[in-house]
Amino acid sequence: MTTLRLVLGDQLSHGLATLRDIDPGDVVLMAEVLDECTYVPHHVFKITLVLSAMRHFAAELRERGAAVEYVTLDDPANTHSLRGEVMRAAATHEVDRVVVTEPGEYRLLADMRGWHLLTNREVDIRVDTRFLCGIAQFRDWAAGRRGLRMEFFYRDMRRNHEILLDDGGPVGGQWNYDAENRKKLPAGVVAPQAPQFPPDAVTQAVMVMVADRFGEHIGDVASFALPVTAEQAQHTLEVFLATRLPEFGDWQDAMQIGAPTLFHSLISTSLNIGLLEPLDICRRAEDMFRRGLAPINAVEGFIRQILGWREYMRGIYWLRMPEYAQLNALDAHRKLPKFYWTGQTRMRCMADAIGNTIEYAYAHHIQRLMITGNFALLAGLDPAEVDAWYLAVYADAYEWVEMPNVRGMALFADGGIVGSKPYAASGAYISKMSNYCGSCSYQVKDATGPNACPFNALYWDFIARHTERFKGNNRMAMPLATLGKMAPARVAALRARAGAFLTAMDQGEPV
C-alpha cells in the first residue's frame, strides 16, 4: 500500500503523526500554495518564514530517506490550493490513501473532510499529538462546567504533566505568580540582544521570490532574520533560558520605546510551526528554577503562557468553532483605521506597537492586548476586521491561537467565554507600564482637552456605552460605580471628546 503523506507549513516536526508509520515507498507531499499565502495579506516575514522553514524541513526529510514531493510556489503545474495539490499528487503517484495531521484552522479541516470524495481514496486525518491537550481531551474538561476559566485548566495541566509541583501541590504554595510580573521597566535596564540568523542560500531564494510576488503585503523582507530550522530554534530557546528568562517575570508586562523584545522568549514563531516541542520547553524552564538559575515568578509566568494560555486558546477555538468566528457580543462595527497598517498616528503607544509590528512582524503580548487590542476594544472596531489584521501582521499568528486571543481576550466579542471582564484601560495603565507617554503629543493626564490622551475619553465612553451590558458583571462594578458618581457635565465632556476623536479617525484625519 502506497501512502501520500501531506505535511503542512505549520507541521514541521519529525514526530508529526503524519510521519509516524512512514514506509520507504510512501510519498511525503509538501506544497507552497498561493491560497495559504493570500487568504489574508500575510506579513512578508511570515510568508518567508513558513516557506523557508518548509524547504529546510523537506531537505531534512530527504536526508532521513523519505521520498518528498515538494511543490514550489513558482512551479507552473501548481494548482495553488492544498486540495488541488493532494488530488494531483494522489493521481501522479497512484497512492492508495492519504494521511494528514489535523490542521490548525477550521477552514482547512472542513475542506479536508471532503477530500476522500475528491480523491476517491481513504483520507486519514490524525490527531495532532504535538499539543499537550488534545481537542477531545479539552472537550471532556469543558463538559458540564459553568465557566471555562484558563486558571483552572492551567492547574489541571500542571498536574497532568507534573510541572512545577512539590508533593502534588504547586511549587511555593501558589499556582500563579502573575501579581509579581507587572513591574515598569526602570531606567537603565537593558535586555540582552536577541538572536539573529543571517539568511542562508535557501532563505535568500525565498526572500527574492516573496519580494517579487508579495511586495504589496505589509513589511520589508530585506531584514528577515528569524529562525527557520530546529537547530536555530533551539539556539533561540537556549539564549532565552540563559540570558532572558531570569528577568522575564519582573518585566514581562513592561513596554519600552526602542526595545521591542525586552526579555521575551521570541520562540512563538518556531513553536507554532513545529520546530520546538512545548513540553520540552516547559521542562527546560522548570529545570532553570530547580537549579536556582531563574526565580519562580519568571519560570511560572513563562510556563503559564505555553502550558496554560496556548493550550487553552486552542481548546476554546476547536470547542466553539465555527460559531466563535461570528461572535460580536459588544455589537462593534467600526472599520479598522488605516493607521493599523501604516503606524502613522500621533498616539505614541500605538505608533510604537504598530511600528514594531510592521518592521518585525512582532509585538509582545501586552502591546497586542493593552495597546492595539485595547484601542480596538474602546473604539468599537469590528471583530472580523481586527481578527484579519492580527492574523495578517504577526509571524506567529494562526487562527487557532489568534482568534480566541483577539475575540475573547482583547475584544470581549465572545461575551465572556475567555475573559471574565473586558480588558479595557485608560491612558493611566499605559503610562504606568511604559515610557510612551513622555514623548507623546497627547497629554496622558488630560481627558477632555484638545490634546487629551484619546484612551482616557474612549475608556469612559466605552463604559458608558455598555453600562447595561456590564451591570451583571461583578468585575465591572468599580468602573460602573465611578461613572455613576461623575457629574453629568463631566460625562458629557468625556463622551464628546471621544466622539470627536472617533469621527476624525473615521474620516481619515491625522489622529
Protein backbone atom coordinates (compact mmCIF):
# COMPACT_ATOMS: atom_id res chain seq x y z
CA MET A 1 0.00 0.00 0.00
CA THR A 2 1.45 3.38 -1.06
CA THR A 3 0.50 6.33 1.10
CA LEU A 4 0.61 10.03 0.34
CA ARG A 5 1.54 11.93 3.49
CA LEU A 6 0.78 15.67 3.49
CA VAL A 7 2.85 17.91 5.76
CA LEU A 8 1.57 21.45 6.20
CA GLY A 9 3.68 24.56 6.67
CA ASP A 10 3.00 24.72 10.41
CA GLN A 11 3.65 20.99 10.96
CA LEU A 12 7.43 20.91 10.61
CA SER A 13 8.06 18.31 13.32
CA HIS A 14 9.75 14.97 12.76
CA GLY A 15 7.46 13.50 15.41
CA LEU A 16 4.35 14.58 13.48
CA ALA A 17 1.56 12.00 13.48
CA THR A 18 1.55 12.05 9.66
CA LEU A 19 5.10 10.66 9.64
CA ARG A 20 4.69 8.20 12.49
CA ASP A 21 4.46 4.95 10.48
CA ILE A 22 6.04 6.01 7.21
CA ASP A 23 7.21 3.26 4.85
CA PRO A 24 10.01 3.52 2.28
CA GLY A 25 7.53 3.52 -0.61
CA ASP A 26 5.40 6.35 0.76
CA VAL A 27 5.46 9.87 -0.66
CA VAL A 28 5.62 12.97 1.54
CA LEU A 29 3.88 15.91 -0.09
CA MET A 30 4.78 19.48 0.82
CA ALA A 31 3.31 22.31 -1.23
CA GLU A 32 3.73 26.07 -1.30
CA VAL A 33 0.33 27.33 -2.45
CA LEU A 34 -0.96 30.80 -3.13
CA ASP A 35 -4.20 30.15 -1.23
CA GLU A 36 -2.31 29.88 2.06
CA CYS A 37 -0.16 32.95 1.34
CA THR A 38 -3.06 35.26 0.49
CA TYR A 39 -6.27 34.32 2.34
CA VAL A 40 -5.21 37.31 4.43
CA PRO A 41 -2.37 39.59 3.26
CA HIS A 42 0.27 37.97 5.47
CA HIS A 43 3.33 39.95 6.52
CA VAL A 44 6.24 39.15 4.21
CA PHE A 45 8.21 37.86 7.22
CA LYS A 46 5.55 35.23 7.87
CA ILE A 47 5.46 34.03 4.27
CA THR A 48 9.26 33.93 4.16
CA LEU A 49 9.44 32.10 7.49
CA VAL A 50 6.99 29.37 6.53
CA LEU A 51 8.29 28.77 3.01
CA SER A 52 11.96 28.76 4.05
CA ALA A 53 11.26 26.50 7.04
CA MET A 54 9.30 24.15 4.76
CA ARG A 55 12.21 23.91 2.31
CA HIS A 56 14.68 23.24 5.11
CA PHE A 57 12.41 20.61 6.63
CA ALA A 58 11.95 18.89 3.26
CA ALA A 59 15.73 18.67 2.96
CA GLU A 60 15.92 17.07 6.42
CA LEU A 61 13.27 14.51 5.46
CA ARG A 62 15.20 13.58 2.32
CA GLU A 63 18.37 13.16 4.40
CA ARG A 64 16.41 10.71 6.57
CA GLY A 65 15.47 8.71 3.50
CA ALA A 66 11.93 9.97 2.82
CA ALA A 67 10.66 10.44 -0.74
CA VAL A 68 9.49 14.06 -0.75
CA GLU A 69 7.32 15.58 -3.45
CA TYR A 70 7.95 19.30 -2.97
CA VAL A 71 5.90 21.81 -4.96
CA THR A 72 7.32 25.33 -5.07
CA LEU A 73 5.22 28.42 -5.42
CA ASP A 74 6.60 29.11 -8.90
CA ASP A 75 6.01 25.59 -10.24
CA PRO A 76 3.96 26.05 -13.44
CA ALA A 77 1.85 22.98 -12.60
CA ASN A 78 0.99 24.26 -9.10
CA THR A 79 -2.79 24.41 -8.56
CA HIS A 80 -2.17 26.81 -5.63
CA SER A 81 -4.52 25.06 -3.23
CA LEU A 82 -3.75 22.22 -0.83
CA ARG A 83 -6.77 20.32 -2.10
CA GLY A 84 -5.57 20.65 -5.70
CA GLU A 85 -2.05 19.51 -4.86
CA VAL A 86 -3.29 16.48 -2.91
CA MET A 87 -5.51 15.47 -5.84
CA ARG A 88 -2.68 15.96 -8.31
CA ALA A 89 -0.12 14.03 -6.26
CA ALA A 90 -2.56 11.21 -5.46
CA ALA A 91 -3.16 10.66 -9.16
CA THR A 92 0.50 11.04 -10.17
CA HIS A 93 1.81 8.55 -7.63
CA GLU A 94 -1.17 6.19 -7.74
CA VAL A 95 -1.44 6.13 -3.95
CA ASP A 96 -3.96 4.06 -2.04
CA ARG A 97 -4.63 6.52 0.76
CA VAL A 98 -3.82 10.00 2.07
CA VAL A 99 -2.59 10.69 5.59
CA VAL A 100 -2.57 14.14 7.18
CA THR A 101 -2.49 15.54 10.70
CA GLU A 102 -5.43 17.71 11.73
CA PRO A 103 -4.74 21.32 10.69
CA GLY A 104 -4.70 24.35 12.94
CA GLU A 105 -7.54 26.16 11.20
CA TYR A 106 -11.19 25.19 10.93
CA ARG A 107 -11.49 26.18 7.28
CA LEU A 108 -8.81 23.64 6.33
CA LEU A 109 -10.31 20.83 8.39
CA ALA A 110 -13.73 21.45 6.82
CA ASP A 111 -12.11 21.17 3.39
CA MET A 112 -10.10 18.06 4.28
CA ARG A 113 -13.23 16.22 5.37
CA GLY A 114 -14.33 16.17 1.73
CA TRP A 115 -11.03 15.07 0.23
CA HIS A 116 -11.95 11.39 0.26
CA LEU A 117 -14.72 12.13 -2.22
CA LEU A 118 -12.47 14.22 -4.46
CA THR A 119 -9.57 11.74 -4.49
CA ASN A 120 -11.67 8.56 -4.28
CA ARG A 121 -9.24 7.38 -1.62
CA GLU A 122 -9.24 6.94 2.13
CA VAL A 123 -8.13 10.14 3.89
CA ASP A 124 -6.78 9.52 7.39
CA ILE A 125 -6.91 12.78 9.43
CA ARG A 126 -4.86 12.14 12.55
CA VAL A 127 -4.85 13.84 15.95
CA ASP A 128 -2.09 16.41 16.36
CA THR A 129 -0.15 14.91 19.26
CA ARG A 130 2.29 17.83 19.37
CA PHE A 131 -0.16 19.69 21.62
CA LEU A 132 -0.33 18.81 25.30
CA CYS A 133 -4.13 18.79 25.44
CA GLY A 134 -5.98 17.14 22.59
CA ILE A 135 -9.19 18.59 21.19
CA ALA A 136 -11.25 15.70 22.61
CA GLN A 137 -9.47 15.99 25.95
CA PHE A 138 -10.31 19.69 26.18
CA ARG A 139 -13.92 18.98 25.28
CA ASP A 140 -14.08 16.48 28.14
CA TRP A 141 -12.54 19.03 30.51
CA ALA A 142 -15.09 21.68 29.48
CA ALA A 143 -18.13 19.43 29.69
CA GLY A 144 -20.56 20.49 32.39
CA ARG A 145 -18.56 23.48 33.60
CA ARG A 146 -20.37 26.76 34.17
CA GLY A 147 -17.26 28.74 33.26
CA LEU A 148 -14.18 27.85 31.25
CA ARG A 149 -11.55 29.85 33.08
CA MET A 150 -7.98 29.34 31.96
CA GLU A 151 -6.63 29.33 35.51
CA PHE A 152 -8.39 26.09 36.42
CA PHE A 153 -7.45 24.47 33.12
CA TYR A 154 -3.83 25.51 33.71
CA ARG A 155 -3.78 23.94 37.16
CA ASP A 156 -5.06 20.67 35.74
CA MET A 157 -2.40 20.80 33.01
CA ARG A 158 0.29 21.33 35.64
CA ARG A 159 -0.97 18.26 37.47
CA ASN A 160 -1.36 16.15 34.33
CA HIS A 161 2.18 16.85 33.15
CA GLU A 162 3.76 17.16 36.62
CA ILE A 163 5.18 20.62 36.02
CA LEU A 164 6.29 22.85 38.92
CA LEU A 165 4.84 20.54 41.56
CA ASP A 166 6.13 19.64 45.01
CA ASP A 167 4.35 16.78 46.79
CA GLY A 168 1.38 17.16 44.43
CA GLY A 169 0.94 20.87 45.11
CA PRO A 170 2.26 23.98 43.37
CA VAL A 171 5.85 25.00 43.97
CA GLY A 172 5.99 27.78 46.54
CA GLY A 173 2.38 27.22 47.57
CA GLN A 174 0.92 29.32 44.73
CA TRP A 175 -0.32 28.30 41.30
CA ASN A 176 0.07 31.75 39.77
CA TYR A 177 2.65 34.50 40.35
CA ASP A 178 1.17 37.00 37.91
CA ALA A 179 0.92 39.68 40.62
CA GLU A 180 4.74 39.75 40.69
CA ASN A 181 5.02 40.17 36.91
CA ARG A 182 3.67 43.69 36.41
CA LYS A 183 6.61 45.99 37.00
CA LYS A 184 7.51 49.00 34.91
CA LEU A 185 11.00 48.80 33.42
CA PRO A 186 13.38 51.05 35.38
CA ALA A 187 15.69 53.43 33.55
CA GLY A 188 18.98 51.81 32.66
CA VAL A 189 17.74 48.23 32.44
CA VAL A 190 18.76 46.86 29.04
CA ALA A 191 17.71 43.45 27.74
CA PRO A 192 20.27 41.12 26.11
CA GLN A 193 20.49 41.16 22.33
CA ALA A 194 18.02 38.85 20.63
CA PRO A 195 19.45 36.12 18.35
CA GLN A 196 19.58 36.91 14.64
CA PHE A 197 20.05 34.38 11.84
CA PRO A 198 21.60 35.66 8.60
CA PRO A 199 19.65 34.08 5.72
CA ASP A 200 21.34 31.15 4.01
CA ALA A 201 21.01 30.42 0.28
CA VAL A 202 17.66 28.67 0.76
CA THR A 203 16.17 31.58 2.68
CA GLN A 204 17.66 34.14 0.31
CA ALA A 205 15.94 32.46 -2.63
CA VAL A 206 12.63 32.57 -0.77
CA MET A 207 13.17 36.24 0.11
CA VAL A 208 13.69 37.15 -3.54
CA MET A 209 10.52 35.31 -4.53
CA VAL A 210 8.48 36.84 -1.71
CA ALA A 211 9.66 40.36 -2.51
CA ASP A 212 8.71 39.82 -6.14
CA ARG A 213 5.30 38.21 -5.60
CA PHE A 214 4.09 39.81 -2.36
CA GLY A 215 5.59 43.28 -2.48
CA GLU A 216 2.24 44.86 -1.71
CA HIS A 217 1.97 42.99 1.60
CA ILE A 218 2.97 44.61 4.87
CA GLY A 219 6.66 44.62 5.83
CA ASP A 220 10.07 44.63 4.16
CA VAL A 221 11.59 41.20 3.65
CA ALA A 222 15.14 42.59 3.39
CA SER A 223 15.67 42.49 7.17
CA PHE A 224 14.34 38.96 7.70
CA ALA A 225 16.42 37.06 10.30
CA LEU A 226 14.03 34.63 12.03
CA PRO A 227 14.96 31.02 12.87
CA VAL A 228 13.91 28.64 10.08
CA THR A 229 15.34 25.33 11.32
CA ALA A 230 15.01 23.31 14.51
CA GLU A 231 18.68 23.95 15.24
CA GLN A 232 18.20 27.72 15.03
CA ALA A 233 15.01 27.48 17.10
CA GLN A 234 16.85 25.55 19.81
CA HIS A 235 19.55 28.22 19.86
CA THR A 236 16.90 30.92 20.35
CA LEU A 237 15.43 28.94 23.25
CA GLU A 238 18.83 28.39 24.84
CA VAL A 239 19.69 32.10 24.64
CA PHE A 240 16.37 32.94 26.27
CA LEU A 241 16.78 30.45 29.09
CA ALA A 242 20.32 31.57 29.85
CA THR A 243 20.07 35.34 29.43
CA ARG A 244 16.45 36.48 29.40
CA LEU A 245 14.30 34.11 31.47
CA PRO A 246 15.79 35.20 34.84
CA GLU A 247 14.47 38.75 34.28
CA PHE A 248 11.40 37.82 32.24
CA GLY A 249 8.99 37.64 35.17
CA ASP A 250 9.55 41.12 36.54
CA TRP A 251 9.32 42.91 33.20
CA GLN A 252 7.06 40.72 31.07
CA ASP A 253 4.28 43.35 31.04
CA ALA A 254 6.59 46.34 30.55
CA MET A 255 6.80 48.37 27.33
CA GLN A 256 9.75 50.48 26.26
CA ILE A 257 10.42 52.65 23.22
CA GLY A 258 13.26 51.23 21.17
CA ALA A 259 13.15 47.85 22.95
CA PRO A 260 10.56 45.77 21.10
CA THR A 261 11.57 42.38 22.52
CA LEU A 262 12.79 43.20 26.04
CA PHE A 263 13.10 39.88 27.95
CA HIS A 264 10.59 37.90 25.91
CA SER A 265 11.46 34.46 24.57
CA LEU A 266 10.91 35.03 20.82
CA ILE A 267 10.15 31.34 20.33
CA SER A 268 6.48 31.60 19.30
CA THR A 269 7.23 31.56 15.57
CA SER A 270 9.26 28.38 15.98
CA LEU A 271 6.82 26.73 18.37
CA ASN A 272 3.80 27.42 16.18
CA ILE A 273 5.35 25.84 13.06
CA GLY A 274 6.65 22.81 14.90
CA LEU A 275 10.37 23.49 15.26
CA LEU A 276 10.13 23.30 19.08
CA GLU A 277 8.16 20.99 21.37
CA PRO A 278 6.07 22.60 24.13
CA LEU A 279 6.67 20.00 26.84
CA ASP A 280 10.42 20.12 26.30
CA ILE A 281 10.33 23.91 26.63
CA CYS A 282 8.39 23.70 29.90
CA ARG A 283 10.72 21.04 31.33
CA ARG A 284 13.80 23.07 30.48
CA ALA A 285 12.34 26.22 32.04
CA GLU A 286 11.43 24.28 35.19
CA ASP A 287 14.98 22.96 35.32
CA MET A 288 16.25 26.55 35.40
CA PHE A 289 14.19 27.11 38.54
CA ARG A 290 15.19 23.82 40.15
CA ARG A 291 18.86 24.70 39.67
CA GLY A 292 18.38 28.17 41.15
CA LEU A 293 19.09 29.93 37.85
CA ALA A 294 15.72 31.66 37.45
CA PRO A 295 13.11 32.81 40.00
CA ILE A 296 9.69 31.22 40.35
CA ASN A 297 7.74 34.26 39.11
CA ALA A 298 9.69 34.21 35.84
CA VAL A 299 9.52 30.46 35.29
CA GLU A 300 5.88 30.08 36.30
CA GLY A 301 4.83 33.05 34.18
CA PHE A 302 6.64 31.67 31.15
CA ILE A 303 5.29 28.14 31.57
CA ARG A 304 1.77 29.53 32.04
CA GLN A 305 1.96 31.09 28.58
CA ILE A 306 2.74 27.73 26.98
CA LEU A 307 1.10 25.09 29.17
CA GLY A 308 -1.81 27.35 30.08
CA TRP A 309 -2.73 30.03 27.58
CA ARG A 310 -1.52 28.38 24.37
CA GLU A 311 -3.25 25.07 25.03
CA TYR A 312 -6.34 26.76 26.45
CA MET A 313 -6.78 29.05 23.44
CA ARG A 314 -6.55 26.12 21.06
CA GLY A 315 -9.09 24.23 23.14
CA ILE A 316 -11.54 27.14 23.12
CA TYR A 317 -11.12 27.58 19.37
CA TRP A 318 -11.96 23.99 18.49
CA LEU A 319 -14.67 23.75 21.15
CA ARG A 320 -16.57 26.76 19.81
CA MET A 321 -15.88 26.86 16.08
CA PRO A 322 -17.37 27.69 13.63
CA GLU A 323 -19.80 29.82 15.66
CA TYR A 324 -16.94 31.52 17.50
CA ALA A 325 -15.84 33.32 14.33
CA GLN A 326 -19.19 35.15 14.22
CA LEU A 327 -19.35 36.35 17.82
CA ASN A 328 -19.69 40.09 18.37
CA ALA A 329 -21.14 40.43 21.86
CA LEU A 330 -20.48 44.18 22.12
CA ASP A 331 -22.05 44.89 18.72
CA ALA A 332 -18.88 46.58 17.44
CA HIS A 333 -18.90 47.57 13.77
CA ARG A 334 -16.42 50.43 13.26
CA LYS A 335 -13.98 49.86 10.40
CA LEU A 336 -10.31 49.30 11.14
CA PRO A 337 -8.45 52.64 10.81
CA LYS A 338 -5.77 52.96 8.15
CA PHE A 339 -3.08 53.64 10.76
CA TYR A 340 -3.23 49.98 11.82
CA TRP A 341 -1.48 49.26 8.53
CA THR A 342 0.85 52.28 8.46
CA GLY A 343 1.62 53.12 12.10
CA GLN A 344 1.07 56.79 11.26
CA THR A 345 -0.68 58.16 14.32
CA ARG A 346 0.06 60.79 16.96
CA MET A 347 -0.60 58.23 19.69
CA ARG A 348 2.95 57.26 20.69
CA CYS A 349 1.97 53.89 22.11
CA MET A 350 0.04 52.88 19.01
CA ALA A 351 2.74 54.18 16.67
CA ASP A 352 5.40 52.16 18.52
CA ALA A 353 3.43 48.92 18.77
CA ILE A 354 2.30 49.07 15.15
CA GLY A 355 5.74 50.24 14.01
CA ASN A 356 7.33 47.19 15.66
CA THR A 357 4.69 45.04 14.01
CA ILE A 358 5.44 46.42 10.56
CA GLU A 359 9.20 46.13 10.99
CA TYR A 360 9.47 42.78 12.79
CA ALA A 361 6.09 41.02 12.35
CA TYR A 362 6.23 41.01 16.14
CA ALA A 363 4.90 42.82 19.18
CA HIS A 364 4.84 41.26 22.62
CA HIS A 365 1.65 40.15 24.35
CA ILE A 366 0.99 43.34 26.33
CA GLN A 367 1.41 45.52 23.26
CA ARG A 368 -1.07 43.28 21.45
CA LEU A 369 -3.56 43.13 24.34
CA MET A 370 -3.31 46.51 26.04
CA ILE A 371 -2.28 48.81 23.18
CA THR A 372 -3.61 47.73 19.78
CA GLY A 373 -6.22 45.40 21.29
CA ASN A 374 -7.32 47.84 23.97
CA PHE A 375 -7.74 50.61 21.42
CA ALA A 376 -9.80 48.33 19.17
CA LEU A 377 -12.00 47.42 22.15
CA LEU A 378 -12.57 51.00 23.27
CA ALA A 379 -13.16 52.32 19.74
CA GLY A 380 -15.62 49.54 18.92
CA LEU A 381 -13.73 48.15 15.93
CA ASP A 382 -15.35 45.28 14.04
CA PRO A 383 -14.01 41.96 15.40
CA ALA A 384 -13.82 40.44 11.92
CA GLU A 385 -11.55 43.25 10.70
CA VAL A 386 -9.42 43.15 13.85
CA ASP A 387 -9.15 39.35 13.56
CA ALA A 388 -7.96 39.61 9.97
CA TRP A 389 -5.38 42.25 10.90
CA TYR A 390 -3.81 40.24 13.73
CA LEU A 391 -3.76 37.13 11.55
CA ALA A 392 -2.05 39.02 8.73
CA VAL A 393 0.61 41.04 10.52
CA TYR A 394 2.21 38.67 13.05
CA ALA A 395 4.63 35.94 12.04
CA ASP A 396 3.40 33.65 14.83
CA ALA A 397 -0.34 34.09 14.11
CA TYR A 398 -2.51 31.12 13.20
CA GLU A 399 -6.26 31.25 13.55
CA TRP A 400 -6.48 28.69 16.37
CA VAL A 401 -4.40 30.94 18.64
CA GLU A 402 -5.13 34.35 17.12
CA MET A 403 -8.93 34.29 17.12
CA PRO A 404 -9.63 33.42 20.77
CA ASN A 405 -6.92 35.84 21.87
CA VAL A 406 -8.47 38.63 19.80
CA ARG A 407 -12.21 37.96 20.02
CA GLY A 408 -12.05 36.58 23.52
CA MET A 409 -9.19 38.26 25.34
CA ALA A 410 -8.78 41.61 23.60
CA LEU A 411 -12.25 42.47 22.30
CA PHE A 412 -14.61 40.63 24.67
CA ALA A 413 -16.52 39.78 21.50
CA ASP A 414 -17.26 36.30 22.83
CA GLY A 415 -19.20 37.80 25.74
CA GLY A 416 -17.05 36.27 28.44
CA ILE A 417 -16.13 32.77 27.30
CA VAL A 418 -12.41 33.51 27.64
CA GLY A 419 -12.25 36.54 29.92
CA SER A 420 -14.38 37.34 32.95
CA LYS A 421 -14.34 41.03 32.03
CA PRO A 422 -13.20 43.29 29.18
CA TYR A 423 -9.51 44.19 29.31
CA ALA A 424 -10.27 47.89 28.98
CA ALA A 425 -7.83 50.51 30.24
CA SER A 426 -7.29 54.25 30.06
CA GLY A 427 -4.03 56.09 29.46
CA ALA A 428 -3.11 55.67 33.13
CA TYR A 429 -2.33 51.97 32.60
CA ILE A 430 -0.17 52.72 29.56
CA SER A 431 1.70 55.41 31.49
CA LYS A 432 2.26 53.03 34.40
CA MET A 433 3.67 50.20 32.27
CA SER A 434 5.70 52.13 29.67
CA ASN A 435 7.65 55.25 28.79
CA TYR A 436 5.39 56.03 25.83
CA CYS A 437 3.50 58.91 27.36
CA GLY A 438 6.53 61.12 28.00
CA SER A 439 7.15 61.58 24.28
CA CYS A 440 3.53 61.53 23.09
CA SER A 441 1.88 64.55 21.53
CA TYR A 442 -1.18 63.83 23.67
CA GLN A 443 -1.37 64.54 27.41
CA VAL A 444 -1.97 61.40 29.45
CA LYS A 445 -3.28 63.30 32.48
CA ASP A 446 -5.89 65.13 30.43
CA ALA A 447 -9.17 63.53 29.38
CA THR A 448 -11.25 66.21 27.64
CA GLY A 449 -8.94 68.88 26.23
CA PRO A 450 -7.86 69.15 22.56
CA ASN A 451 -4.59 67.32 23.31
CA ALA A 452 -6.03 64.89 25.85
CA CYS A 453 -4.93 61.25 25.61
CA PRO A 454 -7.60 59.56 23.45
CA PHE A 455 -7.54 56.43 25.63
CA ASN A 456 -8.99 58.39 28.56
CA ALA A 457 -12.17 59.64 26.92
CA LEU A 458 -12.54 56.45 24.90
CA TYR A 459 -12.38 54.40 28.09
CA TRP A 460 -15.23 56.25 29.78
CA ASP A 461 -17.23 56.38 26.57
CA PHE A 462 -16.83 52.60 26.34
CA ILE A 463 -18.07 52.13 29.91
CA ALA A 464 -21.00 54.47 29.27
CA ARG A 465 -21.95 52.76 26.01
CA HIS A 466 -22.08 49.36 27.66
CA THR A 467 -23.40 50.19 31.13
CA GLU A 468 -26.46 47.99 30.73
CA ARG A 469 -24.42 45.07 29.40
CA PHE A 470 -21.97 45.21 32.31
CA LYS A 471 -24.39 45.69 35.20
CA GLY A 472 -24.42 41.99 35.99
CA ASN A 473 -20.64 41.63 35.89
CA ASN A 474 -19.13 41.92 39.37
CA ARG A 475 -15.68 42.67 37.97
CA MET A 476 -17.06 45.78 36.27
CA ALA A 477 -18.69 47.11 39.44
CA MET A 478 -15.91 49.61 40.24
CA PRO A 479 -15.78 51.46 36.87
CA LEU A 480 -19.57 51.48 36.72
CA ALA A 481 -19.74 52.95 40.21
CA THR A 482 -17.13 55.59 39.33
CA LEU A 483 -19.02 56.55 36.21
CA GLY A 484 -22.21 56.79 38.21
CA LYS A 485 -20.61 59.28 40.62
CA MET A 486 -19.39 61.58 37.85
CA ALA A 487 -21.18 64.87 37.25
CA PRO A 488 -23.37 64.72 34.13
CA ALA A 489 -21.38 67.58 32.60
CA ARG A 490 -18.15 65.63 33.09
CA VAL A 491 -19.60 62.53 31.44
CA ALA A 492 -20.91 64.64 28.56
CA ALA A 493 -17.48 66.23 28.05
CA LEU A 494 -15.75 62.86 28.04
CA ARG A 495 -18.18 61.41 25.55
CA ALA A 496 -17.97 64.50 23.36
CA ARG A 497 -14.17 64.22 23.29
CA ALA A 498 -14.42 60.51 22.41
CA GLY A 499 -16.98 61.20 19.70
CA ALA A 500 -14.91 63.95 18.13
CA PHE A 501 -11.83 61.74 18.09
CA LEU A 502 -13.65 58.79 16.53
CA THR A 503 -15.27 61.00 13.90
CA ALA A 504 -11.89 62.42 12.93
CA MET A 505 -10.43 58.90 12.81
CA ASP A 506 -13.28 57.60 10.68
CA GLN A 507 -12.79 60.46 8.24
CA GLY A 508 -9.10 59.68 7.86
CA GLU A 509 -7.87 62.81 9.61
CA PRO A 510 -4.50 62.62 11.40
CA VAL A 511 -5.05 61.36 14.94
